[in-house]
Amino acid sequence: MKKRSIAFVLSIAVFICVSGFIQSEQRDLAHVEQRDGLYIFIQCKPQTSYNDLGTVKARPAFSDKAGAFIDAMIKNCKKEYPQADGLIFTTPDLDRAEAVKFK
């Protein structure tokens, strides 16, 4: 009887530890927004494997809004890399991004 209760308590402890680990691992997951058919990653990278197609640059937009920079980058990306699935912004200024194709 004691062996069964010890085994039960141990199995509960293992379950609690494993569930806590699983929950802490998923804190860094997010849903990525799409704009004009491209996934936009800002200061993060996709967890899915991808091929780097090349660098996209944009001239500074006449706005202090991030949306203007992103729109310019999307337009340039679609011109230079029409097969791209997403943009990974590599600088906080949003003036350079990597065009990527998911595997």
PDB file of N, CA and C in Angstrom:
ATOM      1  N   MET A   1       0.816  -1.190   0.000  1.00  0.00           N
ATOM      2  CA  MET A   1       0.000   0.000   0.000  1.00  0.00           C
ATOM      3  C   MET A   1       0.862   1.258   0.000  1.00  0.00           C
ATOM      4  N   LYS A   2       1.945   1.262   0.824  1.00  0.00           N
ATOM      5  CA  LYS A   2       2.807   2.436   0.876  1.00  0.00           C
ATOM      6  C   LYS A   2       3.505   2.654  -0.456  1.00  0.00           C
ATOM      7  N   LYS A   3       3.905   1.581  -1.145  1.00  0.00           N
ATOM      8  CA  LYS A   3       4.578   1.708  -2.436  1.00  0.00           C
ATOM      9  C   LYS A   3       3.664   2.360  -3.462  1.00  0.00           C
ATOM     10  N   ARG A   4       2.382   2.019  -3.414  1.00  0.00           N
ATOM     11  CA  ARG A   4       1.432   2.612  -4.351  1.00  0.00           C
ATOM     12  C   ARG A   4       1.261   4.100  -4.086  1.00  0.00           C
ATOM     13  N   SER A   5       1.191   4.503  -2.814  1.00  0.00           N
ATOM     14  CA  SER A   5       1.010   5.917  -2.502  1.00  0.00           C
ATOM     15  C   SER A   5       2.277   6.715  -2.835  1.00  0.00           C
ATOM     16  N   ILE A   6       3.452   6.119  -2.613  1.00  0.00           N
ATOM     17  CA  ILE A   6       4.702   6.792  -2.978  1.00  0.00           C
ATOM     18  C   ILE A   6       4.780   6.950  -4.497  1.00  0.00           C
ATOM     19  N   ALA A   7       4.423   5.914  -5.224  1.00  0.00           N
ATOM     20  CA  ALA A   7       4.434   5.980  -6.680  1.00  0.00           C
ATOM     21  C   ALA A   7       3.441   7.027  -7.180  1.00  0.00           C
ATOM     22  N   PHE A   8       2.291   7.100  -6.534  1.00  0.00           N
ATOM     23  CA  PHE A   8       1.283   8.096  -6.916  1.00  0.00           C
ATOM     24  C   PHE A   8       1.799   9.517  -6.676  1.00  0.00           C
ATOM     25  N   VAL A   9       2.385   9.754  -5.524  1.00  0.00           N
ATOM     26  CA  VAL A   9       2.912  11.077  -5.183  1.00  0.00           C
ATOM     27  C   VAL A   9       4.041  11.454  -6.146  1.00  0.00           C
ATOM     28  N   LEU A  10       4.905  10.511  -6.461  1.00  0.00           N
ATOM     29  CA  LEU A  10       5.998  10.775  -7.398  1.00  0.00           C
ATOM     30  C   LEU A  10       5.464  11.090  -8.796  1.00  0.00           C
ATOM     31  N   SER A  11       4.453  10.351  -9.221  1.00  0.00           N
ATOM     32  CA  SER A  11       3.900  10.616 -10.555  1.00  0.00           C
ATOM     33  C   SER A  11       3.242  11.996 -10.605  1.00  0.00           C
ATOM     34  N   ILE A  12       2.586  12.420  -9.552  1.00  0.00           N
ATOM     35  CA  ILE A  12       1.995  13.761  -9.481  1.00  0.00           C
ATOM     36  C   ILE A  12       3.107  14.817  -9.532  1.00  0.00           C
ATOM     37  N   ALA A  13       4.190  14.610  -8.798  1.00  0.00           N
ATOM     38  CA  ALA A  13       5.305  15.563  -8.783  1.00  0.00           C
ATOM     39  C   ALA A  13       5.934  15.677 -10.171  1.00  0.00           C
ATOM     40  N   VAL A  14       6.110  14.558 -10.855  1.00  0.00           N
ATOM     41  CA  VAL A  14       6.681  14.577 -12.200  1.00  0.00           C
ATOM     42  C   VAL A  14       5.739  15.324 -13.144  1.00  0.00           C
ATOM     43  N   PHE A  15       4.456  15.068 -13.038  1.00  0.00           N
ATOM     44  CA  PHE A  15       3.481  15.752 -13.888  1.00  0.00           C
ATOM     45  C   PHE A  15       3.530  17.262 -13.685  1.00  0.00           C
ATOM     46  N   ILE A  16       3.607  17.712 -12.450  1.00  0.00           N
ATOM     47  CA  ILE A  16       3.660  19.143 -12.150  1.00  0.00           C
ATOM     48  C   ILE A  16       4.935  19.760 -12.721  1.00  0.00           C
ATOM     49  N   CYS A  17       6.059  19.082 -12.564  1.00  0.00           N
ATOM     50  CA  CYS A  17       7.326  19.600 -13.103  1.00  0.00           C
ATOM     51  C   CYS A  17       7.291  19.689 -14.621  1.00  0.00           C
ATOM     52  N   VAL A  18       6.779  18.650 -15.274  1.00  0.00           N
ATOM     53  CA  VAL A  18       6.736  18.635 -16.736  1.00  0.00           C
ATOM     54  C   VAL A  18       5.774  19.692 -17.256  1.00  0.00           C
ATOM     55  N   SER A  19       4.617  19.833 -16.653  1.00  0.00           N
ATOM     56  CA  SER A  19       3.659  20.827 -17.128  1.00  0.00           C
ATOM     57  C   SER A  19       4.193  22.240 -16.911  1.00  0.00           C
ATOM     58  N   GLY A  20       4.914  22.486 -15.840  1.00  0.00           N
ATOM     59  CA  GLY A  20       5.530  23.795 -15.620  1.00  0.00           C
ATOM     60  C   GLY A  20       6.585  24.087 -16.664  1.00  0.00           C
ATOM     61  N   PHE A  21       7.360  23.086 -17.064  1.00  0.00           N
ATOM     62  CA  PHE A  21       8.382  23.259 -18.092  1.00  0.00           C
ATOM     63  C   PHE A  21       7.744  23.560 -19.437  1.00  0.00           C
ATOM     64  N   ILE A  22       6.686  22.849 -19.779  1.00  0.00           N
ATOM     65  CA  ILE A  22       6.013  23.058 -21.055  1.00  0.00           C
ATOM     66  C   ILE A  22       5.425  24.465 -21.112  1.00  0.00           C
ATOM     67  N   GLN A  23       4.810  24.925 -20.053  1.00  0.00           N
ATOM     68  CA  GLN A  23       4.220  26.256 -20.041  1.00  0.00           C
ATOM     69  C   GLN A  23       5.286  27.332 -20.160  1.00  0.00           C
ATOM     70  N   SER A  24       6.425  27.173 -19.488  1.00  0.00           N
ATOM     71  CA  SER A  24       7.461  28.202 -19.556  1.00  0.00           C
ATOM     72  C   SER A  24       8.101  28.250 -20.935  1.00  0.00           C
ATOM     73  N   GLU A  25       8.158  27.146 -21.639  1.00  0.00           N
ATOM     74  CA  GLU A  25       8.728  27.115 -22.977  1.00  0.00           C
ATOM     75  C   GLU A  25       7.856  27.853 -23.982  1.00  0.00           C
ATOM     76  N   GLN A  26       6.569  27.932 -23.767  1.00  0.00           N
ATOM     77  CA  GLN A  26       5.669  28.519 -24.745  1.00  0.00           C
ATOM     78  C   GLN A  26       5.466  30.016 -24.543  1.00  0.00           C
ATOM     79  N   ARG A  27       6.168  30.610 -23.633  1.00  0.00           N
ATOM     80  CA  ARG A  27       6.035  32.055 -23.426  1.00  0.00           C
ATOM     81  C   ARG A  27       6.647  32.855 -24.556  1.00  0.00           C
ATOM     82  N   ASP A  28       7.540  32.252 -25.309  1.00  0.00           N
ATOM     83  CA  ASP A  28       8.195  32.999 -26.377  1.00  0.00           C
ATOM     84  C   ASP A  28       7.550  32.756 -27.739  1.00  0.00           C
ATOM     85  N   LEU A  29       6.398  32.128 -27.763  1.00  0.00           N
ATOM     86  CA  LEU A  29       5.683  31.924 -29.017  1.00  0.00           C
ATOM     87  C   LEU A  29       4.759  33.102 -29.286  1.00  0.00           C
ATOM     88  N   ALA A  30       4.547  33.383 -30.566  1.00  0.00           N
ATOM     89  CA  ALA A  30       3.668  34.493 -30.926  1.00  0.00           C
ATOM     90  C   ALA A  30       2.998  34.200 -32.260  1.00  0.00           C
ATOM     91  N   HIS A  31       1.927  34.904 -32.527  1.00  0.00           N
ATOM     92  CA  HIS A  31       1.288  34.861 -33.836  1.00  0.00           C
ATOM     93  C   HIS A  31       1.816  36.045 -34.629  1.00  0.00           C
ATOM     94  N   VAL A  32       2.295  35.777 -35.813  1.00  0.00           N
ATOM     95  CA  VAL A  32       2.922  36.817 -36.622  1.00  0.00           C
ATOM     96  C   VAL A  32       1.891  37.424 -37.566  1.00  0.00           C
ATOM     97  N   GLU A  33       1.912  38.737 -37.640  1.00  0.00           N
ATOM     98  CA  GLU A  33       1.005  39.448 -38.532  1.00  0.00           C
ATOM     99  C   GLU A  33       1.472  39.337 -39.978  1.00  0.00           C
ATOM    100  N   GLN A  34       0.521  39.331 -40.879  1.00  0.00           N
ATOM    101  CA  GLN A  34       0.806  39.349 -42.311  1.00  0.00           C
ATOM    102  C   GLN A  34       0.341  40.683 -42.859  1.00  0.00           C
ATOM    103  N   ARG A  35       1.169  41.258 -43.716  1.00  0.00           N
ATOM    104  CA  ARG A  35       0.776  42.477 -44.430  1.00  0.00           C
ATOM    105  C   ARG A  35       1.055  42.247 -45.897  1.00  0.00           C
ATOM    106  N   ASP A  36       0.059  42.439 -46.694  1.00  0.00           N
ATOM    107  CA  ASP A  36       0.165  42.247 -48.146  1.00  0.00           C
ATOM    108  C   ASP A  36       0.758  40.888 -48.497  1.00  0.00           C
ATOM    109  N   GLY A  37       0.392  39.869 -47.739  1.00  0.00           N
ATOM    110  CA  GLY A  37       0.836  38.506 -48.030  1.00  0.00           C
ATOM    111  C   GLY A  37       2.200  38.133 -47.490  1.00  0.00           C
ATOM    112  N   LEU A  38       2.875  39.033 -46.785  1.00  0.00           N
ATOM    113  CA  LEU A  38       4.189  38.732 -46.213  1.00  0.00           C
ATOM    114  C   LEU A  38       4.094  38.700 -44.686  1.00  0.00           C
ATOM    115  N   TYR A  39       4.764  37.713 -44.087  1.00  0.00           N
ATOM    116  CA  TYR A  39       4.876  37.672 -42.634  1.00  0.00           C
ATOM    117  C   TYR A  39       5.933  38.690 -42.229  1.00  0.00           C
ATOM    118  N   ILE A  40       5.644  39.486 -41.208  1.00  0.00           N
ATOM    119  CA  ILE A  40       6.541  40.551 -40.777  1.00  0.00           C
ATOM    120  C   ILE A  40       7.113  40.198 -39.402  1.00  0.00           C
ATOM    121  N   PHE A  41       8.439  40.052 -39.350  1.00  0.00           N
ATOM    122  CA  PHE A  41       9.144  39.741 -38.106  1.00  0.00           C
ATOM    123  C   PHE A  41      10.010  40.943 -37.732  1.00  0.00           C
ATOM    124  N   ILE A  42       9.741  41.545 -36.587  1.00  0.00           N
ATOM    125  CA  ILE A  42      10.513  42.693 -36.132  1.00  0.00           C
ATOM    126  C   ILE A  42      11.218  42.299 -34.840  1.00  0.00           C
ATOM    127  N   GLN A  43      12.527  42.330 -34.886  1.00  0.00           N
ATOM    128  CA  GLN A  43      13.387  41.942 -33.772  1.00  0.00           C
ATOM    129  C   GLN A  43      13.062  40.542 -33.253  1.00  0.00           C
ATOM    130  N   CYS A  44      12.759  39.638 -34.172  1.00  0.00           N
ATOM    131  CA  CYS A  44      12.546  38.241 -33.850  1.00  0.00           C
ATOM    132  C   CYS A  44      12.743  37.419 -35.121  1.00  0.00           C
ATOM    133  N   LYS A  45      12.813  36.113 -34.967  1.00  0.00           N
ATOM    134  CA  LYS A  45      13.005  35.238 -36.120  1.00  0.00           C
ATOM    135  C   LYS A  45      11.962  34.130 -36.084  1.00  0.00           C
ATOM    136  N   PRO A  46      11.590  33.631 -37.253  1.00  0.00           N
ATOM    137  CA  PRO A  46      10.609  32.541 -37.289  1.00  0.00           C
ATOM    138  C   PRO A  46      11.206  31.245 -36.751  1.00  0.00           C
ATOM    139  N   GLN A  47      10.375  30.414 -36.165  1.00  0.00           N
ATOM    140  CA  GLN A  47      10.828  29.112 -35.685  1.00  0.00           C
ATOM    141  C   GLN A  47      10.881  28.096 -36.816  1.00  0.00           C
ATOM    142  N   THR A  48      10.173  28.365 -37.882  1.00  0.00           N
ATOM    143  CA  THR A  48      10.159  27.485 -39.048  1.00  0.00           C
ATOM    144  C   THR A  48      11.447  27.686 -39.839  1.00  0.00           C
ATOM    145  N   SER A  49      11.946  26.636 -40.451  1.00  0.00           N
ATOM    146  CA  SER A  49      13.140  26.744 -41.291  1.00  0.00           C
ATOM    147  C   SER A  49      12.847  27.615 -42.503  1.00  0.00           C
ATOM    148  N   TYR A  50      13.848  28.388 -42.906  1.00  0.00           N
ATOM    149  CA  TYR A  50      13.663  29.278 -44.047  1.00  0.00           C
ATOM    150  C   TYR A  50      14.976  29.452 -44.797  1.00  0.00           C
ATOM    151  N   ASN A  51      14.847  29.896 -46.036  1.00  0.00           N
ATOM    152  CA  ASN A  51      16.001  30.257 -46.852  1.00  0.00           C
ATOM    153  C   ASN A  51      16.051  31.775 -46.932  1.00  0.00           C
ATOM    154  N   ASP A  52      17.247  32.315 -46.779  1.00  0.00           N
ATOM    155  CA  ASP A  52      17.453  33.753 -46.884  1.00  0.00           C
ATOM    156  C   ASP A  52      17.598  34.103 -48.360  1.00  0.00           C
ATOM    157  N   LEU A  53      16.695  34.922 -48.882  1.00  0.00           N
ATOM    158  CA  LEU A  53      16.724  35.296 -50.292  1.00  0.00           C
ATOM    159  C   LEU A  53      17.628  36.494 -50.556  1.00  0.00           C
ATOM    160  N   GLY A  54      17.729  37.398 -49.626  1.00  0.00           N
ATOM    161  CA  GLY A  54      18.563  38.578 -49.794  1.00  0.00           C
ATOM    162  C   GLY A  54      18.096  39.732 -48.930  1.00  0.00           C
ATOM    163  N   THR A  55      18.851  40.809 -48.978  1.00  0.00           N
ATOM    164  CA  THR A  55      18.571  41.992 -48.170  1.00  0.00           C
ATOM    165  C   THR A  55      17.703  42.975 -48.944  1.00  0.00           C
ATOM    166  N   VAL A  56      16.747  43.535 -48.249  1.00  0.00           N
ATOM    167  CA  VAL A  56      15.873  44.559 -48.809  1.00  0.00           C
ATOM    168  C   VAL A  56      16.162  45.846 -48.053  1.00  0.00           C
ATOM    169  N   LYS A  57      16.359  46.925 -48.795  1.00  0.00           N
ATOM    170  CA  LYS A  57      16.589  48.236 -48.183  1.00  0.00           C
ATOM    171  C   LYS A  57      15.552  49.206 -48.702  1.00  0.00           C
ATOM    172  N   ALA A  58      15.297  50.220 -47.911  1.00  0.00           N
ATOM    173  CA  ALA A  58      14.338  51.249 -48.330  1.00  0.00           C
ATOM    174  C   ALA A  58      14.897  52.624 -48.018  1.00  0.00           C
ATOM    175  N   ARG A  59      14.534  53.555 -48.847  1.00  0.00           N
ATOM    176  CA  ARG A  59      14.882  54.944 -48.551  1.00  0.00           C
ATOM    177  C   ARG A  59      14.038  55.398 -47.373  1.00  0.00           C
ATOM    178  N   PRO A  60      14.555  56.305 -46.590  1.00  0.00           N
ATOM    179  CA  PRO A  60      13.759  56.789 -45.456  1.00  0.00           C
ATOM    180  C   PRO A  60      12.418  57.350 -45.913  1.00  0.00           C
ATOM    181  N   ALA A  61      11.382  56.973 -45.229  1.00  0.00           N
ATOM    182  CA  ALA A  61      10.040  57.489 -45.547  1.00  0.00           C
ATOM    183  C   ALA A  61       9.885  58.884 -44.937  1.00  0.00           C
ATOM    184  N   PHE A  62       8.989  59.651 -45.502  1.00  0.00           N
ATOM    185  CA  PHE A  62       8.755  61.007 -44.988  1.00  0.00           C
ATOM    186  C   PHE A  62       7.716  60.972 -43.874  1.00  0.00           C
ATOM    187  N   SER A  63       7.962  60.085 -42.946  1.00  0.00           N
ATOM    188  CA  SER A  63       7.039  59.933 -41.826  1.00  0.00           C
ATOM    189  C   SER A  63       7.802  59.355 -40.651  1.00  0.00           C
ATOM    190  N   ASP A  64       7.346  59.638 -39.471  1.00  0.00           N
ATOM    191  CA  ASP A  64       7.962  59.039 -38.294  1.00  0.00           C
ATOM    192  C   ASP A  64       7.184  57.803 -37.838  1.00  0.00           C
ATOM    193  N   LYS A  65       6.253  57.363 -38.641  1.00  0.00           N
ATOM    194  CA  LYS A  65       5.437  56.192 -38.313  1.00  0.00           C
ATOM    195  C   LYS A  65       6.100  54.916 -38.820  1.00  0.00           C
ATOM    196  N   ALA A  66       6.122  53.899 -38.011  1.00  0.00           N
ATOM    197  CA  ALA A  66       6.733  52.620 -38.402  1.00  0.00           C
ATOM    198  C   ALA A  66       6.009  52.009 -39.588  1.00  0.00           C
ATOM    199  N   GLY A  67       4.720  52.213 -39.681  1.00  0.00           N
ATOM    200  CA  GLY A  67       3.939  51.643 -40.770  1.00  0.00           C
ATOM    201  C   GLY A  67       4.411  52.106 -42.137  1.00  0.00           C
ATOM    202  N   ALA A  68       4.863  53.348 -42.234  1.00  0.00           N
ATOM    203  CA  ALA A  68       5.351  53.876 -43.508  1.00  0.00           C
ATOM    204  C   ALA A  68       6.631  53.153 -43.927  1.00  0.00           C
ATOM    205  N   PHE A  69       7.508  52.900 -42.968  1.00  0.00           N
ATOM    206  CA  PHE A  69       8.738  52.171 -43.268  1.00  0.00           C
ATOM    207  C   PHE A  69       8.428  50.734 -43.688  1.00  0.00           C
ATOM    208  N   ILE A  70       7.536  50.100 -42.970  1.00  0.00           N
ATOM    209  CA  ILE A  70       7.181  48.718 -43.282  1.00  0.00           C
ATOM    210  C   ILE A  70       6.534  48.627 -44.660  1.00  0.00           C
ATOM    211  N   ASP A  71       5.642  49.555 -44.981  1.00  0.00           N
ATOM    212  CA  ASP A  71       5.006  49.555 -46.302  1.00  0.00           C
ATOM    213  C   ASP A  71       6.034  49.712 -47.419  1.00  0.00           C
ATOM    214  N   ALA A  72       7.018  50.581 -47.216  1.00  0.00           N
ATOM    215  CA  ALA A  72       8.068  50.776 -48.221  1.00  0.00           C
ATOM    216  C   ALA A  72       8.896  49.503 -48.396  1.00  0.00           C
ATOM    217  N   MET A  73       9.182  48.827 -47.300  1.00  0.00           N
ATOM    218  CA  MET A  73       9.962  47.596 -47.365  1.00  0.00           C
ATOM    219  C   MET A  73       9.179  46.483 -48.064  1.00  0.00           C
ATOM    220  N   ILE A  74       7.895  46.393 -47.793  1.00  0.00           N
ATOM    221  CA  ILE A  74       7.054  45.381 -48.443  1.00  0.00           C
ATOM    222  C   ILE A  74       7.032  45.625 -49.952  1.00  0.00           C
ATOM    223  N   LYS A  75       6.870  46.879 -50.344  1.00  0.00           N
ATOM    224  CA  LYS A  75       6.849  47.230 -51.768  1.00  0.00           C
ATOM    225  C   LYS A  75       8.173  46.841 -52.433  1.00  0.00           C
ATOM    226  N   ASN A  76       9.293  47.170 -51.814  1.00  0.00           N
ATOM    227  CA  ASN A  76      10.605  46.822 -52.370  1.00  0.00           C
ATOM    228  C   ASN A  76      10.825  45.318 -52.397  1.00  0.00           C
ATOM    229  N   CYS A  77      10.380  44.633 -51.368  1.00  0.00           N
ATOM    230  CA  CYS A  77      10.539  43.177 -51.300  1.00  0.00           C
ATOM    231  C   CYS A  77       9.766  42.500 -52.421  1.00  0.00           C
ATOM    232  N   LYS A  78       8.551  42.937 -52.649  1.00  0.00           N
ATOM    233  CA  LYS A  78       7.739  42.324 -53.706  1.00  0.00           C
ATOM    234  C   LYS A  78       8.342  42.553 -55.090  1.00  0.00           C
ATOM    235  N   LYS A  79       9.031  43.686 -55.266  1.00  0.00           N
ATOM    236  CA  LYS A  79       9.718  43.956 -56.535  1.00  0.00           C
ATOM    237  C   LYS A  79      10.941  43.066 -56.705  1.00  0.00           C
ATOM    238  N   GLU A  80      11.785  43.020 -55.668  1.00  0.00           N
ATOM    239  CA  GLU A  80      13.066  42.316 -55.747  1.00  0.00           C
ATOM    240  C   GLU A  80      12.941  40.803 -55.558  1.00  0.00           C
ATOM    241  N   TYR A  81      12.055  40.376 -54.672  1.00  0.00           N
ATOM    242  CA  TYR A  81      11.910  38.956 -54.331  1.00  0.00           C
ATOM    243  C   TYR A  81      10.425  38.577 -54.310  1.00  0.00           C
ATOM    244  N   PRO A  82       9.810  38.429 -55.479  1.00  0.00           N
ATOM    245  CA  PRO A  82       8.370  38.134 -55.509  1.00  0.00           C
ATOM    246  C   PRO A  82       8.002  36.793 -54.880  1.00  0.00           C
ATOM    247  N   GLN A  83       8.954  35.883 -54.747  1.00  0.00           N
ATOM    248  CA  GLN A  83       8.681  34.573 -54.155  1.00  0.00           C
ATOM    249  C   GLN A  83       8.808  34.578 -52.625  1.00  0.00           C
ATOM    250  N   ALA A  84       9.131  35.709 -52.023  1.00  0.00           N
ATOM    251  CA  ALA A  84       9.341  35.794 -50.572  1.00  0.00           C
ATOM    252  C   ALA A  84       8.051  35.520 -49.804  1.00  0.00           C
ATOM    253  N   ASP A  85       8.223  34.888 -48.643  1.00  0.00           N
ATOM    254  CA  ASP A  85       7.104  34.631 -47.735  1.00  0.00           C
ATOM    255  C   ASP A  85       7.075  35.612 -46.574  1.00  0.00           C
ATOM    256  N   GLY A  86       8.228  36.216 -46.279  1.00  0.00           N
ATOM    257  CA  GLY A  86       8.280  37.098 -45.125  1.00  0.00           C
ATOM    258  C   GLY A  86       9.477  38.016 -45.131  1.00  0.00           C
ATOM    259  N   LEU A  87       9.444  38.964 -44.201  1.00  0.00           N
ATOM    260  CA  LEU A  87      10.536  39.911 -43.994  1.00  0.00           C
ATOM    261  C   LEU A  87      10.966  39.840 -42.533  1.00  0.00           C
ATOM    262  N   ILE A  88      12.276  39.728 -42.321  1.00  0.00           N
ATOM    263  CA  ILE A  88      12.831  39.763 -40.975  1.00  0.00           C
ATOM    264  C   ILE A  88      13.593  41.075 -40.854  1.00  0.00           C
ATOM    265  N   PHE A  89      13.072  42.006 -40.069  1.00  0.00           N
ATOM    266  CA  PHE A  89      13.732  43.288 -39.892  1.00  0.00           C
ATOM    267  C   PHE A  89      14.931  43.117 -38.979  1.00  0.00           C
ATOM    268  N   THR A  90      16.092  43.508 -39.474  1.00  0.00           N
ATOM    269  CA  THR A  90      17.350  43.255 -38.771  1.00  0.00           C
ATOM    270  C   THR A  90      17.866  44.474 -38.022  1.00  0.00           C
ATOM    271  N   THR A  91      17.272  45.631 -38.233  1.00  0.00           N
ATOM    272  CA  THR A  91      17.695  46.834 -37.515  1.00  0.00           C
ATOM    273  C   THR A  91      16.479  47.470 -36.856  1.00  0.00           C
ATOM    274  N   PRO A  92      16.678  48.106 -35.715  1.00  0.00           N
ATOM    275  CA  PRO A  92      15.547  48.764 -35.049  1.00  0.00           C
ATOM    276  C   PRO A  92      15.014  49.962 -35.836  1.00  0.00           C
ATOM    277  N   ASP A  93      15.805  50.486 -36.777  1.00  0.00           N
ATOM    278  CA  ASP A  93      15.363  51.629 -37.586  1.00  0.00           C
ATOM    279  C   ASP A  93      14.411  51.214 -38.704  1.00  0.00           C
ATOM    280  N   LEU A  94      14.251  49.912 -38.928  1.00  0.00           N
ATOM    281  CA  LEU A  94      13.370  49.352 -39.956  1.00  0.00           C
ATOM    282  C   LEU A  94      13.800  49.728 -41.370  1.00  0.00           C
ATOM    283  N   ASP A  95      15.086  50.042 -41.564  1.00  0.00           N
ATOM    284  CA  ASP A  95      15.559  50.424 -42.883  1.00  0.00           C
ATOM    285  C   ASP A  95      16.231  49.279 -43.633  1.00  0.00           C
ATOM    286  N   ARG A  96      16.302  48.108 -43.021  1.00  0.00           N
ATOM    287  CA  ARG A  96      16.908  46.942 -43.657  1.00  0.00           C
ATOM    288  C   ARG A  96      16.193  45.690 -43.151  1.00  0.00           C
ATOM    289  N   ALA A  97      15.931  44.762 -44.064  1.00  0.00           N
ATOM    290  CA  ALA A  97      15.275  43.502 -43.688  1.00  0.00           C
ATOM    291  C   ALA A  97      15.778  42.390 -44.601  1.00  0.00           C
ATOM    292  N   GLU A  98      15.651  41.176 -44.126  1.00  0.00           N
ATOM    293  CA  GLU A  98      15.998  40.003 -44.912  1.00  0.00           C
ATOM    294  C   GLU A  98      14.708  39.408 -45.475  1.00  0.00           C
ATOM    295  N   ALA A  99      14.687  39.214 -46.788  1.00  0.00           N
ATOM    296  CA  ALA A  99      13.558  38.534 -47.418  1.00  0.00           C
ATOM    297  C   ALA A  99      13.792  37.032 -47.265  1.00  0.00           C
ATOM    298  N   VAL A 100      12.759  36.298 -46.860  1.00  0.00           N
ATOM    299  CA  VAL A 100      12.903  34.876 -46.605  1.00  0.00           C
ATOM    300  C   VAL A 100      11.817  34.077 -47.312  1.00  0.00           C
ATOM    301  N   LYS A 101      12.144  32.837 -47.605  1.00  0.00           N
ATOM    302  CA  LYS A 101      11.219  31.859 -48.189  1.00  0.00           C
ATOM    303  C   LYS A 101      11.212  30.673 -47.235  1.00  0.00           C
ATOM    304  N   PHE A 102      10.045  30.284 -46.743  1.00  0.00           N
ATOM    305  CA  PHE A 102       9.946  29.149 -45.829  1.00  0.00           C
ATOM    306  C   PHE A 102      10.148  27.836 -46.565  1.00  0.00           C
ATOM    307  N   LYS A 103      10.791  26.890 -45.901  1.00  0.00           N
ATOM    308  CA  LYS A 103      11.033  25.571 -46.502  1.00  0.00           C
ATOM    309  C   LYS A 103       9.796  24.714 -46.413  1.00  0.00           C
TER     310      LYS A 103
END
